[in-house]
Amino acid sequence: MRQETAEVIALQALGWLAGQEDLLDIFMGATGAARDDLSDRADDPEFLASVLDFLTMDDKWVIGFCNDAGLGYDQPLLARQGLPGGGQIHWT
């Protein structure tokens, strides 16, 4: 997936995440992000990668996002591969 397409999906995921108040709090706690980061770093591919890293940790979150966005369930992971660090395999 091209980086531009991956960034669009990640921005959609960020918007979805911002609308999930309880999940947003978990994201911010897990990543150390502040509310200002949601807008200030929305154009940062590495921050967008962290959004997709977080989202893809739980199938329930992926399903919720994809259902709301009208995307296939494989799209967040494919988008993650198109962003910085996405080609690295993490076995843990």
PDB file of N, CA and C in Angstrom:
ATOM      1  N   MET A   1       0.848  -1.171   0.000  1.00  0.00           N
ATOM      2  CA  MET A   1       0.000   0.000   0.000  1.00  0.00           C
ATOM      3  C   MET A   1       0.898   1.240   0.000  1.00  0.00           C
ATOM      4  N   ARG A   2       0.538   2.204  -0.809  1.00  0.00           N
ATOM      5  CA  ARG A   2       1.298   3.466  -0.857  1.00  0.00           C
ATOM      6  C   ARG A   2       1.152   4.206   0.466  1.00  0.00           C
ATOM      7  N   GLN A   3       2.201   4.958   0.827  1.00  0.00           N
ATOM      8  CA  GLN A   3       2.196   5.665   2.105  1.00  0.00           C
ATOM      9  C   GLN A   3       1.039   6.658   2.192  1.00  0.00           C
ATOM     10  N   GLU A   4       0.721   7.327   1.095  1.00  0.00           N
ATOM     11  CA  GLU A   4      -0.371   8.306   1.121  1.00  0.00           C
ATOM     12  C   GLU A   4      -1.703   7.641   1.477  1.00  0.00           C
ATOM     13  N   THR A   5      -1.949   6.487   0.901  1.00  0.00           N
ATOM     14  CA  THR A   5      -3.176   5.742   1.192  1.00  0.00           C
ATOM     15  C   THR A   5      -3.169   5.269   2.641  1.00  0.00           C
ATOM     16  N   ALA A   6      -2.017   4.791   3.087  1.00  0.00           N
ATOM     17  CA  ALA A   6      -1.884   4.326   4.468  1.00  0.00           C
ATOM     18  C   ALA A   6      -2.151   5.470   5.444  1.00  0.00           C
ATOM     19  N   GLU A   7      -1.665   6.657   5.125  1.00  0.00           N
ATOM     20  CA  GLU A   7      -1.880   7.814   6.001  1.00  0.00           C
ATOM     21  C   GLU A   7      -3.357   8.184   6.077  1.00  0.00           C
ATOM     22  N   VAL A   8      -4.072   8.068   4.964  1.00  0.00           N
ATOM     23  CA  VAL A   8      -5.506   8.372   4.965  1.00  0.00           C
ATOM     24  C   VAL A   8      -6.246   7.402   5.887  1.00  0.00           C
ATOM     25  N   ILE A   9      -5.926   6.127   5.789  1.00  0.00           N
ATOM     26  CA  ILE A   9      -6.574   5.135   6.657  1.00  0.00           C
ATOM     27  C   ILE A   9      -6.213   5.390   8.114  1.00  0.00           C
ATOM     28  N   ALA A  10      -4.956   5.724   8.368  1.00  0.00           N
ATOM     29  CA  ALA A  10      -4.532   6.013   9.743  1.00  0.00           C
ATOM     30  C   ALA A  10      -5.235   7.262  10.287  1.00  0.00           C
ATOM     31  N   LEU A  11      -5.430   8.256   9.447  1.00  0.00           N
ATOM     32  CA  LEU A  11      -6.173   9.450   9.880  1.00  0.00           C
ATOM     33  C   LEU A  11      -7.624   9.109  10.184  1.00  0.00           C
ATOM     34  N   GLN A  12      -8.212   8.232   9.386  1.00  0.00           N
ATOM     35  CA  GLN A  12      -9.569   7.776   9.672  1.00  0.00           C
ATOM     36  C   GLN A  12      -9.595   7.047  11.012  1.00  0.00           C
ATOM     37  N   ALA A  13      -8.585   6.230  11.256  1.00  0.00           N
ATOM     38  CA  ALA A  13      -8.501   5.501  12.527  1.00  0.00           C
ATOM     39  C   ALA A  13      -8.333   6.464  13.690  1.00  0.00           C
ATOM     40  N   LEU A  14      -7.529   7.497  13.503  1.00  0.00           N
ATOM     41  CA  LEU A  14      -7.347   8.499  14.557  1.00  0.00           C
ATOM     42  C   LEU A  14      -8.667   9.199  14.860  1.00  0.00           C
ATOM     43  N   GLY A  15      -9.403   9.563  13.819  1.00  0.00           N
ATOM     44  CA  GLY A  15     -10.707  10.193  14.018  1.00  0.00           C
ATOM     45  C   GLY A  15     -11.673   9.278  14.738  1.00  0.00           C
ATOM     46  N   TRP A  16     -11.672   8.002  14.361  1.00  0.00           N
ATOM     47  CA  TRP A  16     -12.540   7.026  15.019  1.00  0.00           C
ATOM     48  C   TRP A  16     -12.141   6.882  16.478  1.00  0.00           C
ATOM     49  N   LEU A  17     -10.851   6.778  16.713  1.00  0.00           N
ATOM     50  CA  LEU A  17     -10.340   6.622  18.070  1.00  0.00           C
ATOM     51  C   LEU A  17     -10.717   7.824  18.933  1.00  0.00           C
ATOM     52  N   ALA A  18     -10.648   9.014  18.365  1.00  0.00           N
ATOM     53  CA  ALA A  18     -10.996  10.230  19.111  1.00  0.00           C
ATOM     54  C   ALA A  18     -12.464  10.225  19.533  1.00  0.00           C
ATOM     55  N   GLY A  19     -13.292   9.510  18.802  1.00  0.00           N
ATOM     56  CA  GLY A  19     -14.709   9.416  19.143  1.00  0.00           C
ATOM     57  C   GLY A  19     -15.026   8.312  20.138  1.00  0.00           C
ATOM     58  N   GLN A  20     -14.048   7.531  20.517  1.00  0.00           N
ATOM     59  CA  GLN A  20     -14.218   6.427  21.467  1.00  0.00           C
ATOM     60  C   GLN A  20     -13.551   6.840  22.782  1.00  0.00           C
ATOM     61  N   GLU A  21     -14.227   7.595  23.602  1.00  0.00           N
ATOM     62  CA  GLU A  21     -13.623   8.241  24.776  1.00  0.00           C
ATOM     63  C   GLU A  21     -12.858   7.262  25.678  1.00  0.00           C
ATOM     64  N   ASP A  22     -13.455   6.143  26.023  1.00  0.00           N
ATOM     65  CA  ASP A  22     -12.760   5.188  26.897  1.00  0.00           C
ATOM     66  C   ASP A  22     -11.523   4.609  26.226  1.00  0.00           C
ATOM     67  N   LEU A  23     -11.641   4.282  24.963  1.00  0.00           N
ATOM     68  CA  LEU A  23     -10.518   3.724  24.221  1.00  0.00           C
ATOM     69  C   LEU A  23      -9.438   4.778  23.992  1.00  0.00           C
ATOM     70  N   LEU A  24      -9.852   6.003  23.778  1.00  0.00           N
ATOM     71  CA  LEU A  24      -8.895   7.092  23.602  1.00  0.00           C
ATOM     72  C   LEU A  24      -8.033   7.262  24.848  1.00  0.00           C
ATOM     73  N   ASP A  25      -8.642   7.166  26.011  1.00  0.00           N
ATOM     74  CA  ASP A  25      -7.879   7.258  27.258  1.00  0.00           C
ATOM     75  C   ASP A  25      -6.856   6.135  27.364  1.00  0.00           C
ATOM     76  N   ILE A  26      -7.236   4.940  26.936  1.00  0.00           N
ATOM     77  CA  ILE A  26      -6.304   3.804  26.956  1.00  0.00           C
ATOM     78  C   ILE A  26      -5.157   4.059  25.981  1.00  0.00           C
ATOM     79  N   PHE A  27      -5.478   4.557  24.796  1.00  0.00           N
ATOM     80  CA  PHE A  27      -4.448   4.885  23.805  1.00  0.00           C
ATOM     81  C   PHE A  27      -3.459   5.892  24.360  1.00  0.00           C
ATOM     82  N   MET A  28      -3.963   6.951  24.941  1.00  0.00           N
ATOM     83  CA  MET A  28      -3.079   7.994  25.464  1.00  0.00           C
ATOM     84  C   MET A  28      -2.228   7.460  26.614  1.00  0.00           C
ATOM     85  N   GLY A  29      -2.806   6.624  27.452  1.00  0.00           N
ATOM     86  CA  GLY A  29      -2.037   6.036  28.536  1.00  0.00           C
ATOM     87  C   GLY A  29      -0.965   5.081  28.036  1.00  0.00           C
ATOM     88  N   ALA A  30      -1.290   4.319  27.009  1.00  0.00           N
ATOM     89  CA  ALA A  30      -0.351   3.329  26.482  1.00  0.00           C
ATOM     90  C   ALA A  30       0.775   3.962  25.679  1.00  0.00           C
ATOM     91  N   THR A  31       0.485   5.064  25.005  1.00  0.00           N
ATOM     92  CA  THR A  31       1.482   5.671  24.125  1.00  0.00           C
ATOM     93  C   THR A  31       2.154   6.899  24.717  1.00  0.00           C
ATOM     94  N   GLY A  32       1.565   7.449  25.761  1.00  0.00           N
ATOM     95  CA  GLY A  32       2.102   8.682  26.322  1.00  0.00           C
ATOM     96  C   GLY A  32       1.669   9.917  25.548  1.00  0.00           C
ATOM     97  N   ALA A  33       0.768   9.743  24.605  1.00  0.00           N
ATOM     98  CA  ALA A  33       0.274  10.870  23.811  1.00  0.00           C
ATOM     99  C   ALA A  33      -0.635  11.753  24.666  1.00  0.00           C
ATOM    100  N   ALA A  34      -0.624  13.027  24.356  1.00  0.00           N
ATOM    101  CA  ALA A  34      -1.509  13.990  25.000  1.00  0.00           C
ATOM    102  C   ALA A  34      -2.613  14.374  24.016  1.00  0.00           C
ATOM    103  N   ARG A  35      -3.663  14.970  24.506  1.00  0.00           N
ATOM    104  CA  ARG A  35      -4.772  15.371  23.618  1.00  0.00           C
ATOM    105  C   ARG A  35      -4.289  16.285  22.496  1.00  0.00           C
ATOM    106  N   ASP A  36      -3.356  17.169  22.803  1.00  0.00           N
ATOM    107  CA  ASP A  36      -2.827  18.068  21.765  1.00  0.00           C
ATOM    108  C   ASP A  36      -2.150  17.296  20.639  1.00  0.00           C
ATOM    109  N   ASP A  37      -1.571  16.148  20.966  1.00  0.00           N
ATOM    110  CA  ASP A  37      -0.905  15.344  19.943  1.00  0.00           C
ATOM    111  C   ASP A  37      -1.876  14.869  18.878  1.00  0.00           C
ATOM    112  N   LEU A  38      -3.134  14.693  19.236  1.00  0.00           N
ATOM    113  CA  LEU A  38      -4.111  14.188  18.279  1.00  0.00           C
ATOM    114  C   LEU A  38      -4.227  15.105  17.067  1.00  0.00           C
ATOM    115  N   SER A  39      -4.127  16.392  17.278  1.00  0.00           N
ATOM    116  CA  SER A  39      -4.175  17.318  16.151  1.00  0.00           C
ATOM    117  C   SER A  39      -2.782  17.767  15.725  1.00  0.00           C
ATOM    118  N   ASP A  40      -1.903  17.998  16.692  1.00  0.00           N
ATOM    119  CA  ASP A  40      -0.573  18.510  16.366  1.00  0.00           C
ATOM    120  C   ASP A  40       0.272  17.517  15.580  1.00  0.00           C
ATOM    121  N   ARG A  41       0.053  16.234  15.795  1.00  0.00           N
ATOM    122  CA  ARG A  41       0.891  15.221  15.150  1.00  0.00           C
ATOM    123  C   ARG A  41       0.128  14.391  14.121  1.00  0.00           C
ATOM    124  N   ALA A  42      -1.048  14.852  13.744  1.00  0.00           N
ATOM    125  CA  ALA A  42      -1.872  14.101  12.786  1.00  0.00           C
ATOM    126  C   ALA A  42      -1.217  13.994  11.414  1.00  0.00           C
ATOM    127  N   ASP A  43      -0.236  14.839  11.125  1.00  0.00           N
ATOM    128  CA  ASP A  43       0.460  14.753   9.841  1.00  0.00           C
ATOM    129  C   ASP A  43       1.808  14.039   9.956  1.00  0.00           C
ATOM    130  N   ASP A  44       2.087  13.463  11.113  1.00  0.00           N
ATOM    131  CA  ASP A  44       3.339  12.764  11.370  1.00  0.00           C
ATOM    132  C   ASP A  44       3.154  11.268  11.111  1.00  0.00           C
ATOM    133  N   PRO A  45       3.797  10.730  10.068  1.00  0.00           N
ATOM    134  CA  PRO A  45       3.613   9.313   9.740  1.00  0.00           C
ATOM    135  C   PRO A  45       3.970   8.369  10.897  1.00  0.00           C
ATOM    136  N   GLU A  46       4.934   8.729  11.713  1.00  0.00           N
ATOM    137  CA  GLU A  46       5.299   7.870  12.840  1.00  0.00           C
ATOM    138  C   GLU A  46       4.196   7.862  13.902  1.00  0.00           C
ATOM    139  N   PHE A  47       3.574   9.008  14.136  1.00  0.00           N
ATOM    140  CA  PHE A  47       2.454   9.054  15.080  1.00  0.00           C
ATOM    141  C   PHE A  47       1.276   8.254  14.528  1.00  0.00           C
ATOM    142  N   LEU A  48       1.010   8.409  13.236  1.00  0.00           N
ATOM    143  CA  LEU A  48      -0.081   7.650  12.615  1.00  0.00           C
ATOM    144  C   LEU A  48       0.193   6.154  12.690  1.00  0.00           C
ATOM    145  N   ALA A  49       1.459   5.774  12.570  1.00  0.00           N
ATOM    146  CA  ALA A  49       1.817   4.364  12.722  1.00  0.00           C
ATOM    147  C   ALA A  49       1.484   3.881  14.126  1.00  0.00           C
ATOM    148  N   SER A  50       1.711   4.734  15.133  1.00  0.00           N
ATOM    149  CA  SER A  50       1.403   4.330  16.508  1.00  0.00           C
ATOM    150  C   SER A  50      -0.097   4.157  16.701  1.00  0.00           C
ATOM    151  N   VAL A  51      -0.892   4.941  15.994  1.00  0.00           N
ATOM    152  CA  VAL A  51      -2.353   4.791  16.056  1.00  0.00           C
ATOM    153  C   VAL A  51      -2.745   3.407  15.528  1.00  0.00           C
ATOM    154  N   LEU A  52      -2.170   3.031  14.388  1.00  0.00           N
ATOM    155  CA  LEU A  52      -2.504   1.726  13.807  1.00  0.00           C
ATOM    156  C   LEU A  52      -1.913   0.583  14.617  1.00  0.00           C
ATOM    157  N   ASP A  53      -0.730   0.787  15.185  1.00  0.00           N
ATOM    158  CA  ASP A  53      -0.164  -0.233  16.077  1.00  0.00           C
ATOM    159  C   ASP A  53      -1.121  -0.504  17.232  1.00  0.00           C
ATOM    160  N   PHE A  54      -1.642   0.563  17.808  1.00  0.00           N
ATOM    161  CA  PHE A  54      -2.569   0.428  18.930  1.00  0.00           C
ATOM    162  C   PHE A  54      -3.864  -0.239  18.480  1.00  0.00           C
ATOM    163  N   LEU A  55      -4.438   0.260  17.414  1.00  0.00           N
ATOM    164  CA  LEU A  55      -5.723  -0.254  16.938  1.00  0.00           C
ATOM    165  C   LEU A  55      -5.663  -1.750  16.644  1.00  0.00           C
ATOM    166  N   THR A  56      -4.577  -2.186  16.045  1.00  0.00           N
ATOM    167  CA  THR A  56      -4.489  -3.580  15.620  1.00  0.00           C
ATOM    168  C   THR A  56      -4.116  -4.528  16.760  1.00  0.00           C
ATOM    169  N   MET A  57      -4.032  -4.022  17.961  1.00  0.00           N
ATOM    170  CA  MET A  57      -3.780  -4.883  19.116  1.00  0.00           C
ATOM    171  C   MET A  57      -5.005  -5.704  19.505  1.00  0.00           C
ATOM    172  N   ASP A  58      -6.189  -5.289  19.074  1.00  0.00           N
ATOM    173  CA  ASP A  58      -7.412  -5.971  19.502  1.00  0.00           C
ATOM    174  C   ASP A  58      -8.361  -6.103  18.308  1.00  0.00           C
ATOM    175  N   ASP A  59      -8.741  -7.322  18.009  1.00  0.00           N
ATOM    176  CA  ASP A  59      -9.648  -7.566  16.883  1.00  0.00           C
ATOM    177  C   ASP A  59     -10.954  -6.797  17.025  1.00  0.00           C
ATOM    178  N   LYS A  60     -11.430  -6.655  18.244  1.00  0.00           N
ATOM    179  CA  LYS A  60     -12.688  -5.945  18.479  1.00  0.00           C
ATOM    180  C   LYS A  60     -12.563  -4.481  18.028  1.00  0.00           C
ATOM    181  N   TRP A  61     -11.418  -3.879  18.278  1.00  0.00           N
ATOM    182  CA  TRP A  61     -11.202  -2.487  17.868  1.00  0.00           C
ATOM    183  C   TRP A  61     -11.117  -2.390  16.345  1.00  0.00           C
ATOM    184  N   VAL A  62     -10.415  -3.331  15.732  1.00  0.00           N
ATOM    185  CA  VAL A  62     -10.297  -3.349  14.272  1.00  0.00           C
ATOM    186  C   VAL A  62     -11.678  -3.496  13.645  1.00  0.00           C
ATOM    187  N   ILE A  63     -12.465  -4.417  14.150  1.00  0.00           N
ATOM    188  CA  ILE A  63     -13.803  -4.648  13.610  1.00  0.00           C
ATOM    189  C   ILE A  63     -14.676  -3.399  13.764  1.00  0.00           C
ATOM    190  N   GLY A  64     -14.635  -2.785  14.932  1.00  0.00           N
ATOM    191  CA  GLY A  64     -15.429  -1.571  15.155  1.00  0.00           C
ATOM    192  C   GLY A  64     -15.043  -0.453  14.209  1.00  0.00           C
ATOM    193  N   PHE A  65     -13.743  -0.223  14.084  1.00  0.00           N
ATOM    194  CA  PHE A  65     -13.269   0.825  13.181  1.00  0.00           C
ATOM    195  C   PHE A  65     -13.641   0.520  11.732  1.00  0.00           C
ATOM    196  N   CYS A  66     -13.336  -0.687  11.293  1.00  0.00           N
ATOM    197  CA  CYS A  66     -13.583  -1.039   9.898  1.00  0.00           C
ATOM    198  C   CYS A  66     -15.067  -1.017   9.553  1.00  0.00           C
ATOM    199  N   ASN A  67     -15.901  -1.478  10.463  1.00  0.00           N
ATOM    200  CA  ASN A  67     -17.344  -1.419  10.221  1.00  0.00           C
ATOM    201  C   ASN A  67     -17.806   0.022  10.074  1.00  0.00           C
ATOM    202  N   ASP A  68     -17.334   0.894  10.946  1.00  0.00           N
ATOM    203  CA  ASP A  68     -17.731   2.300  10.884  1.00  0.00           C
ATOM    204  C   ASP A  68     -17.166   3.009   9.653  1.00  0.00           C
ATOM    205  N   ALA A  69     -15.951   2.629   9.239  1.00  0.00           N
ATOM    206  CA  ALA A  69     -15.293   3.292   8.113  1.00  0.00           C
ATOM    207  C   ALA A  69     -15.613   2.645   6.770  1.00  0.00           C
ATOM    208  N   GLY A  70     -16.281   1.488   6.795  1.00  0.00           N
ATOM    209  CA  GLY A  70     -16.594   0.801   5.558  1.00  0.00           C
ATOM    210  C   GLY A  70     -15.364   0.189   4.887  1.00  0.00           C
ATOM    211  N   LEU A  71     -14.431  -0.259   5.697  1.00  0.00           N
ATOM    212  CA  LEU A  71     -13.189  -0.843   5.188  1.00  0.00           C
ATOM    213  C   LEU A  71     -13.150  -2.339   5.457  1.00  0.00           C
ATOM    214  N   GLY A  72     -12.371  -3.051   4.670  1.00  0.00           N
ATOM    215  CA  GLY A  72     -12.120  -4.457   4.936  1.00  0.00           C
ATOM    216  C   GLY A  72     -11.283  -4.600   6.191  1.00  0.00           C
ATOM    217  N   TYR A  73     -11.454  -5.699   6.873  1.00  0.00           N
ATOM    218  CA  TYR A  73     -10.769  -5.901   8.149  1.00  0.00           C
ATOM    219  C   TYR A  73      -9.249  -5.985   8.011  1.00  0.00           C
ATOM    220  N   ASP A  74      -8.759  -6.205   6.821  1.00  0.00           N
ATOM    221  CA  ASP A  74      -7.321  -6.278   6.610  1.00  0.00           C
ATOM    222  C   ASP A  74      -6.674  -4.914   6.374  1.00  0.00           C
ATOM    223  N   GLN A  75      -7.478  -3.892   6.158  1.00  0.00           N
ATOM    224  CA  GLN A  75      -6.944  -2.588   5.773  1.00  0.00           C
ATOM    225  C   GLN A  75      -6.068  -1.909   6.841  1.00  0.00           C
ATOM    226  N   PRO A  76      -6.422  -1.947   8.126  1.00  0.00           N
ATOM    227  CA  PRO A  76      -5.530  -1.305   9.106  1.00  0.00           C
ATOM    228  C   PRO A  76      -4.131  -1.927   9.133  1.00  0.00           C
ATOM    229  N   LEU A  77      -4.044  -3.234   9.027  1.00  0.00           N
ATOM    230  CA  LEU A  77      -2.733  -3.886   9.045  1.00  0.00           C
ATOM    231  C   LEU A  77      -1.971  -3.597   7.750  1.00  0.00           C
ATOM    232  N   LEU A  78      -2.659  -3.612   6.629  1.00  0.00           N
ATOM    233  CA  LEU A  78      -2.008  -3.257   5.364  1.00  0.00           C
ATOM    234  C   LEU A  78      -1.528  -1.812   5.393  1.00  0.00           C
ATOM    235  N   ALA A  79      -2.337  -0.928   5.962  1.00  0.00           N
ATOM    236  CA  ALA A  79      -1.938   0.476   6.084  1.00  0.00           C
ATOM    237  C   ALA A  79      -0.721   0.604   6.988  1.00  0.00           C
ATOM    238  N   ARG A  80      -0.713  -0.158   8.069  1.00  0.00           N
ATOM    239  CA  ARG A  80       0.433  -0.100   8.986  1.00  0.00           C
ATOM    240  C   ARG A  80       1.717  -0.483   8.276  1.00  0.00           C
ATOM    241  N   GLN A  81       1.647  -1.429   7.376  1.00  0.00           N
ATOM    242  CA  GLN A  81       2.826  -1.859   6.631  1.00  0.00           C
ATOM    243  C   GLN A  81       3.322  -0.773   5.682  1.00  0.00           C
ATOM    244  N   GLY A  82       2.449   0.171   5.327  1.00  0.00           N
ATOM    245  CA  GLY A  82       2.826   1.261   4.440  1.00  0.00           C
ATOM    246  C   GLY A  82       3.387   2.472   5.142  1.00  0.00           C
ATOM    247  N   LEU A  83       3.475   2.427   6.460  1.00  0.00           N
ATOM    248  CA  LEU A  83       4.000   3.544   7.241  1.00  0.00           C
ATOM    249  C   LEU A  83       5.361   3.184   7.823  1.00  0.00           C
ATOM    250  N   PRO A  84       6.118   4.176   8.308  1.00  0.00           N
ATOM    251  CA  PRO A  84       7.451   3.908   8.848  1.00  0.00           C
ATOM    252  C   PRO A  84       7.454   2.776   9.874  1.00  0.00           C
ATOM    253  N   GLY A  85       8.384   1.846   9.695  1.00  0.00           N
ATOM    254  CA  GLY A  85       8.511   0.713  10.612  1.00  0.00           C
ATOM    255  C   GLY A  85       7.564  -0.431  10.306  1.00  0.00           C
ATOM    256  N   GLY A  86       6.723  -0.267   9.317  1.00  0.00           N
ATOM    257  CA  GLY A  86       5.726  -1.286   9.009  1.00  0.00           C
ATOM    258  C   GLY A  86       6.289  -2.549   8.394  1.00  0.00           C
ATOM    259  N   GLY A  87       7.467  -2.445   7.823  1.00  0.00           N
ATOM    260  CA  GLY A  87       8.081  -3.609   7.218  1.00  0.00           C
ATOM    261  C   GLY A  87       8.808  -4.491   8.220  1.00  0.00           C
ATOM    262  N   GLN A  88       8.936  -3.996   9.449  1.00  0.00           N
ATOM    263  CA  GLN A  88       9.624  -4.759  10.485  1.00  0.00           C
ATOM    264  C   GLN A  88       8.675  -5.778  11.078  1.00  0.00           C
ATOM    265  N   ILE A  89       9.179  -6.969  11.312  1.00  0.00           N
ATOM    266  CA  ILE A  89       8.374  -8.025  11.912  1.00  0.00           C
ATOM    267  C   ILE A  89       8.653  -8.053  13.413  1.00  0.00           C
ATOM    268  N   HIS A  90       7.599  -8.011  14.196  1.00  0.00           N
ATOM    269  CA  HIS A  90       7.716  -8.072  15.651  1.00  0.00           C
ATOM    270  C   HIS A  90       7.068  -9.373  16.111  1.00  0.00           C
ATOM    271  N   TRP A  91       7.825 -10.252  16.710  1.00  0.00           N
ATOM    272  CA  TRP A  91       7.308 -11.548  17.127  1.00  0.00           C
ATOM    273  C   TRP A  91       6.834 -11.555  18.564  1.00  0.00           C
ATOM    274  N   THR A  92       6.946 -10.434  19.250  1.00  0.00           N
ATOM    275  CA  THR A  92       6.515 -10.397  20.655  1.00  0.00           C
ATOM    276  C   THR A  92       5.213  -9.659  20.790  1.00  0.00           C
TER     277      THR A  92
END
